[in-house]
Amino acid sequence: MMLPHSVRIYLATEPADMRNAMDGLASRVRRFGGDPLDGSLYVFLSKRRDRAKILAWTRGGYVVWYKRLERSRFKLPPIDSSSETVSLDSAQLAMLLDGIDLGKVKRPDVWQPKRIA
């Protein structure tokens, strides 16, 4: 799943009750200061980290994607213990949903052109 870099993706650091439907997940987004109507993707993992739900608002309605891993667990990226969410990019989301351990992924430094003053 490759998304434009402009799409913001937030992973909730606390486990979610997978019985929550769209409204319950939207309520959680509001509790940690997000806006579930802003077009961002909000990712929630179950306590066992074998299930994931992604909440988004698109053109007049909520969408929820659901994934269950049969033999593995989702591996969390490094998390600051005081944060309620972690920002991800689309590549990190794709790796997370494939069960790849984001803490072990080594990314090359991003090249930036020199700015002309």
N, C-alpha and C. Protein backbone atom coordinates (compact mmCIF):
# COMPACT_ATOMS: atom_id res chain seq x y z
N MET A 1 0.85 -1.17 0.00
CA MET A 1 0.00 0.00 0.00
C MET A 1 0.90 1.24 0.00
N MET A 2 1.00 1.91 -1.12
CA MET A 2 1.79 3.13 -1.19
C MET A 2 0.83 4.31 -1.28
N LEU A 3 1.00 5.23 -0.37
CA LEU A 3 0.15 6.41 -0.29
C LEU A 3 0.99 7.65 -0.56
N PRO A 4 0.37 8.74 -0.97
CA PRO A 4 1.14 9.98 -1.14
C PRO A 4 1.77 10.41 0.19
N HIS A 5 2.91 11.09 0.09
CA HIS A 5 3.59 11.56 1.30
C HIS A 5 2.76 12.57 2.06
N SER A 6 1.78 13.17 1.42
CA SER A 6 0.95 14.17 2.09
C SER A 6 -0.05 13.55 3.06
N VAL A 7 -0.30 12.24 2.95
CA VAL A 7 -1.24 11.57 3.85
C VAL A 7 -0.55 11.36 5.19
N ARG A 8 -1.18 11.87 6.25
CA ARG A 8 -0.63 11.69 7.59
C ARG A 8 -1.16 10.37 8.16
N ILE A 9 -0.26 9.64 8.82
CA ILE A 9 -0.60 8.34 9.39
C ILE A 9 -0.17 8.34 10.84
N TYR A 10 -1.11 7.99 11.72
CA TYR A 10 -0.83 7.97 13.16
C TYR A 10 -1.12 6.58 13.70
N LEU A 11 -0.17 6.02 14.42
CA LEU A 11 -0.32 4.73 15.08
C LEU A 11 -0.57 4.98 16.56
N ALA A 12 -1.70 4.51 17.07
CA ALA A 12 -2.00 4.64 18.51
C ALA A 12 -1.05 3.73 19.28
N THR A 13 -0.46 4.25 20.35
CA THR A 13 0.52 3.47 21.12
C THR A 13 -0.13 2.52 22.11
N GLU A 14 -1.37 2.79 22.50
CA GLU A 14 -2.09 1.91 23.42
C GLU A 14 -2.96 0.94 22.63
N PRO A 15 -3.08 -0.30 23.10
CA PRO A 15 -3.93 -1.27 22.38
C PRO A 15 -5.38 -0.82 22.30
N ALA A 16 -6.04 -1.25 21.25
CA ALA A 16 -7.46 -0.92 21.05
C ALA A 16 -8.30 -2.18 21.19
N ASP A 17 -9.50 -1.98 21.64
CA ASP A 17 -10.48 -3.07 21.68
C ASP A 17 -10.97 -3.26 20.24
N MET A 18 -10.71 -4.40 19.66
CA MET A 18 -11.06 -4.64 18.27
C MET A 18 -12.57 -4.77 18.05
N ARG A 19 -13.34 -4.76 19.14
CA ARG A 19 -14.79 -4.73 18.99
C ARG A 19 -15.28 -3.33 18.62
N ASN A 20 -14.41 -2.32 18.82
CA ASN A 20 -14.77 -0.96 18.46
C ASN A 20 -15.01 -0.85 16.96
N ALA A 21 -16.11 -0.23 16.60
CA ALA A 21 -16.39 0.05 15.20
C ALA A 21 -15.96 1.48 14.90
N MET A 22 -16.45 2.04 13.83
CA MET A 22 -16.02 3.36 13.38
C MET A 22 -16.18 4.44 14.44
N ASP A 23 -17.34 4.51 15.07
CA ASP A 23 -17.58 5.57 16.06
C ASP A 23 -16.70 5.42 17.29
N GLY A 24 -16.48 4.20 17.74
CA GLY A 24 -15.61 3.97 18.88
C GLY A 24 -14.17 4.35 18.58
N LEU A 25 -13.69 4.03 17.38
CA LEU A 25 -12.33 4.40 16.99
C LEU A 25 -12.22 5.92 16.83
N ALA A 26 -13.24 6.55 16.25
CA ALA A 26 -13.23 8.01 16.10
C ALA A 26 -13.18 8.69 17.47
N SER A 27 -13.88 8.12 18.44
CA SER A 27 -13.87 8.66 19.80
C SER A 27 -12.46 8.57 20.40
N ARG A 28 -11.78 7.47 20.14
CA ARG A 28 -10.39 7.33 20.64
C ARG A 28 -9.48 8.37 20.00
N VAL A 29 -9.68 8.61 18.70
CA VAL A 29 -8.87 9.62 18.01
C VAL A 29 -9.06 10.98 18.67
N ARG A 30 -10.29 11.33 18.97
CA ARG A 30 -10.57 12.62 19.62
C ARG A 30 -9.93 12.69 21.01
N ARG A 31 -9.94 11.58 21.75
CA ARG A 31 -9.36 11.57 23.10
C ARG A 31 -7.88 11.87 23.07
N PHE A 32 -7.16 11.42 22.04
CA PHE A 32 -5.73 11.75 22.02
C PHE A 32 -5.44 13.00 21.20
N GLY A 33 -6.46 13.82 20.93
CA GLY A 33 -6.27 15.12 20.33
C GLY A 33 -6.28 15.16 18.81
N GLY A 34 -6.63 14.05 18.17
CA GLY A 34 -6.70 14.03 16.71
C GLY A 34 -8.08 14.42 16.22
N ASP A 35 -8.17 14.61 14.93
CA ASP A 35 -9.44 14.93 14.29
C ASP A 35 -9.75 13.81 13.30
N PRO A 36 -10.70 12.93 13.61
CA PRO A 36 -10.96 11.79 12.73
C PRO A 36 -11.52 12.19 11.37
N LEU A 37 -11.87 13.47 11.18
CA LEU A 37 -12.43 13.94 9.91
C LEU A 37 -11.38 14.64 9.04
N ASP A 38 -10.11 14.62 9.45
CA ASP A 38 -9.09 15.41 8.74
C ASP A 38 -8.43 14.69 7.56
N GLY A 39 -8.84 13.47 7.26
CA GLY A 39 -8.27 12.74 6.12
C GLY A 39 -7.04 11.92 6.47
N SER A 40 -6.59 11.98 7.72
CA SER A 40 -5.45 11.17 8.14
C SER A 40 -5.88 9.73 8.33
N LEU A 41 -4.90 8.83 8.36
CA LEU A 41 -5.15 7.43 8.69
C LEU A 41 -4.77 7.22 10.14
N TYR A 42 -5.65 6.59 10.89
CA TYR A 42 -5.41 6.30 12.30
C TYR A 42 -5.36 4.79 12.46
N VAL A 43 -4.21 4.28 12.91
CA VAL A 43 -3.95 2.85 12.99
C VAL A 43 -4.05 2.41 14.45
N PHE A 44 -4.80 1.33 14.68
CA PHE A 44 -4.98 0.78 16.02
C PHE A 44 -4.61 -0.70 15.98
N LEU A 45 -3.88 -1.15 17.00
CA LEU A 45 -3.52 -2.56 17.12
C LEU A 45 -4.21 -3.17 18.34
N SER A 46 -4.46 -4.46 18.26
CA SER A 46 -5.06 -5.18 19.38
C SER A 46 -4.01 -5.41 20.46
N LYS A 47 -4.47 -5.83 21.63
CA LYS A 47 -3.57 -6.09 22.75
C LYS A 47 -2.53 -7.15 22.39
N ARG A 48 -2.94 -8.19 21.67
CA ARG A 48 -2.00 -9.25 21.26
C ARG A 48 -1.18 -8.86 20.04
N ARG A 49 -1.51 -7.71 19.44
CA ARG A 49 -0.85 -7.19 18.25
C ARG A 49 -0.91 -8.15 17.06
N ASP A 50 -2.01 -8.90 16.98
CA ASP A 50 -2.20 -9.76 15.80
C ASP A 50 -3.31 -9.21 14.90
N ARG A 51 -3.94 -8.12 15.32
CA ARG A 51 -5.02 -7.50 14.55
C ARG A 51 -4.80 -6.00 14.48
N ALA A 52 -5.18 -5.44 13.35
CA ALA A 52 -5.04 -4.00 13.14
C ALA A 52 -6.30 -3.46 12.48
N LYS A 53 -6.67 -2.25 12.88
CA LYS A 53 -7.74 -1.52 12.22
C LYS A 53 -7.20 -0.14 11.86
N ILE A 54 -7.58 0.32 10.68
CA ILE A 54 -7.19 1.65 10.21
C ILE A 54 -8.46 2.43 9.94
N LEU A 55 -8.58 3.58 10.56
CA LEU A 55 -9.75 4.44 10.41
C LEU A 55 -9.38 5.65 9.54
N ALA A 56 -10.25 5.98 8.60
CA ALA A 56 -10.07 7.17 7.77
C ALA A 56 -11.43 7.75 7.42
N TRP A 57 -11.44 9.04 7.12
CA TRP A 57 -12.65 9.72 6.66
C TRP A 57 -12.44 10.02 5.18
N THR A 58 -13.37 9.58 4.33
CA THR A 58 -13.25 9.84 2.91
C THR A 58 -14.61 10.23 2.34
N ARG A 59 -14.68 11.37 1.72
CA ARG A 59 -15.85 11.84 0.97
C ARG A 59 -17.18 11.51 1.62
N GLY A 60 -17.38 11.98 2.82
CA GLY A 60 -18.68 11.86 3.46
C GLY A 60 -18.91 10.63 4.29
N GLY A 61 -17.87 9.86 4.59
CA GLY A 61 -18.08 8.68 5.43
C GLY A 61 -16.77 8.09 5.93
N TYR A 62 -16.89 7.34 7.00
CA TYR A 62 -15.73 6.64 7.56
C TYR A 62 -15.47 5.37 6.77
N VAL A 63 -14.19 4.99 6.73
CA VAL A 63 -13.75 3.72 6.17
C VAL A 63 -12.89 3.05 7.23
N VAL A 64 -13.08 1.75 7.43
CA VAL A 64 -12.23 0.98 8.33
C VAL A 64 -11.65 -0.19 7.56
N TRP A 65 -10.32 -0.29 7.60
CA TRP A 65 -9.63 -1.46 7.06
C TRP A 65 -9.22 -2.32 8.24
N TYR A 66 -9.27 -3.63 8.05
CA TYR A 66 -9.00 -4.58 9.14
C TYR A 66 -8.04 -5.63 8.63
N LYS A 67 -7.03 -5.94 9.41
CA LYS A 67 -6.10 -7.01 9.04
C LYS A 67 -5.81 -7.86 10.26
N ARG A 68 -5.77 -9.18 10.04
CA ARG A 68 -5.42 -10.13 11.09
C ARG A 68 -4.25 -10.96 10.59
N LEU A 69 -3.18 -11.00 11.38
CA LEU A 69 -2.04 -11.86 11.06
C LEU A 69 -2.30 -13.23 11.65
N GLU A 70 -2.09 -14.26 10.86
CA GLU A 70 -2.39 -15.62 11.31
C GLU A 70 -1.27 -16.23 12.16
N ARG A 71 -0.02 -15.91 11.85
CA ARG A 71 1.09 -16.59 12.55
C ARG A 71 2.13 -15.64 13.13
N SER A 72 1.86 -14.40 13.15
CA SER A 72 2.87 -13.45 13.59
C SER A 72 2.21 -12.35 14.40
N ARG A 73 2.98 -11.36 14.76
CA ARG A 73 2.49 -10.19 15.49
C ARG A 73 3.02 -8.95 14.81
N PHE A 74 2.24 -7.87 14.89
CA PHE A 74 2.72 -6.59 14.38
C PHE A 74 3.82 -6.11 15.30
N LYS A 75 4.92 -5.64 14.73
CA LYS A 75 6.06 -5.16 15.50
C LYS A 75 6.00 -3.65 15.57
N LEU A 76 5.97 -3.12 16.77
CA LEU A 76 5.87 -1.69 16.97
C LEU A 76 7.19 -0.99 16.67
N PRO A 77 7.13 0.22 16.12
CA PRO A 77 8.35 1.02 15.98
C PRO A 77 8.78 1.53 17.34
N PRO A 78 9.98 2.10 17.44
CA PRO A 78 10.38 2.71 18.72
C PRO A 78 9.36 3.76 19.14
N ILE A 79 8.95 3.70 20.42
CA ILE A 79 7.89 4.57 20.92
C ILE A 79 8.36 5.30 22.16
N ASP A 80 8.09 6.60 22.20
CA ASP A 80 8.33 7.40 23.40
C ASP A 80 7.19 7.06 24.36
N SER A 81 7.52 6.68 25.58
CA SER A 81 6.50 6.21 26.53
C SER A 81 5.45 7.27 26.86
N SER A 82 5.74 8.54 26.63
CA SER A 82 4.77 9.58 26.95
C SER A 82 3.86 9.92 25.77
N SER A 83 4.12 9.35 24.61
CA SER A 83 3.32 9.67 23.41
C SER A 83 2.11 8.76 23.29
N GLU A 84 1.00 9.34 22.85
CA GLU A 84 -0.21 8.55 22.60
C GLU A 84 -0.27 8.05 21.17
N THR A 85 0.51 8.68 20.28
CA THR A 85 0.58 8.24 18.89
C THR A 85 2.01 8.34 18.39
N VAL A 86 2.27 7.62 17.30
CA VAL A 86 3.53 7.69 16.58
C VAL A 86 3.19 7.99 15.13
N SER A 87 3.89 8.93 14.52
CA SER A 87 3.68 9.23 13.11
C SER A 87 4.44 8.22 12.25
N LEU A 88 3.78 7.74 11.22
CA LEU A 88 4.38 6.81 10.27
C LEU A 88 4.28 7.41 8.88
N ASP A 89 5.14 6.94 7.98
CA ASP A 89 4.94 7.26 6.57
C ASP A 89 4.37 6.01 5.89
N SER A 90 4.05 6.13 4.61
CA SER A 90 3.36 5.03 3.94
C SER A 90 4.22 3.77 3.86
N ALA A 91 5.53 3.91 3.70
CA ALA A 91 6.41 2.74 3.67
C ALA A 91 6.42 2.03 5.02
N GLN A 92 6.47 2.80 6.10
CA GLN A 92 6.45 2.21 7.44
C GLN A 92 5.12 1.50 7.69
N LEU A 93 4.02 2.08 7.24
CA LEU A 93 2.72 1.43 7.41
C LEU A 93 2.69 0.11 6.65
N ALA A 94 3.19 0.10 5.43
CA ALA A 94 3.21 -1.12 4.63
C ALA A 94 4.06 -2.20 5.33
N MET A 95 5.21 -1.82 5.87
CA MET A 95 6.05 -2.78 6.57
C MET A 95 5.37 -3.28 7.84
N LEU A 96 4.76 -2.37 8.59
CA LEU A 96 4.04 -2.75 9.80
C LEU A 96 2.97 -3.78 9.48
N LEU A 97 2.17 -3.52 8.44
CA LEU A 97 1.08 -4.43 8.09
C LEU A 97 1.59 -5.76 7.55
N ASP A 98 2.85 -5.81 7.09
CA ASP A 98 3.45 -7.07 6.65
C ASP A 98 4.15 -7.80 7.79
N GLY A 99 4.14 -7.22 8.99
CA GLY A 99 4.75 -7.87 10.14
C GLY A 99 6.25 -7.62 10.27
N ILE A 100 6.78 -6.66 9.53
CA ILE A 100 8.21 -6.35 9.57
C ILE A 100 8.50 -5.52 10.82
N ASP A 101 9.60 -5.84 11.50
CA ASP A 101 10.01 -5.12 12.70
C ASP A 101 10.63 -3.79 12.31
N LEU A 102 9.89 -2.70 12.52
CA LEU A 102 10.36 -1.37 12.12
C LEU A 102 11.59 -0.92 12.91
N GLY A 103 11.76 -1.46 14.10
CA GLY A 103 12.92 -1.11 14.91
C GLY A 103 14.22 -1.64 14.34
N LYS A 104 14.15 -2.63 13.46
CA LYS A 104 15.36 -3.21 12.87
C LYS A 104 15.62 -2.74 11.44
N VAL A 105 14.75 -1.90 10.92
CA VAL A 105 14.90 -1.40 9.55
C VAL A 105 15.89 -0.24 9.55
N LYS A 106 16.87 -0.30 8.69
CA LYS A 106 17.86 0.78 8.55
C LYS A 106 17.57 1.51 7.26
N ARG A 107 17.20 2.77 7.39
CA ARG A 107 16.93 3.60 6.22
C ARG A 107 18.16 4.43 5.89
N PRO A 108 18.40 4.64 4.61
CA PRO A 108 19.52 5.53 4.25
C PRO A 108 19.15 6.98 4.58
N ASP A 109 20.17 7.81 4.75
CA ASP A 109 19.93 9.23 4.96
C ASP A 109 19.24 9.81 3.74
N VAL A 110 18.32 10.71 3.97
CA VAL A 110 17.60 11.35 2.88
C VAL A 110 18.45 12.47 2.30
N TRP A 111 18.63 12.46 1.00
CA TRP A 111 19.41 13.50 0.33
C TRP A 111 18.56 14.74 0.19
N GLN A 112 19.14 15.87 0.51
CA GLN A 112 18.47 17.17 0.36
C GLN A 112 19.38 18.06 -0.48
N PRO A 113 18.86 18.75 -1.49
CA PRO A 113 19.69 19.67 -2.26
C PRO A 113 20.09 20.87 -1.40
N LYS A 114 21.21 21.46 -1.73
CA LYS A 114 21.66 22.65 -1.02
C LYS A 114 20.74 23.80 -1.37
N ARG A 115 20.39 24.57 -0.36
CA ARG A 115 19.52 25.74 -0.57
C ARG A 115 20.39 26.93 -0.96
N ILE A 116 19.87 27.66 -1.90
CA ILE A 116 20.55 28.88 -2.34
C ILE A 116 19.98 30.04 -1.54
N ALA A 117 20.88 30.76 -0.88
CA ALA A 117 20.42 31.88 -0.02
C ALA A 117 20.12 33.12 -0.78
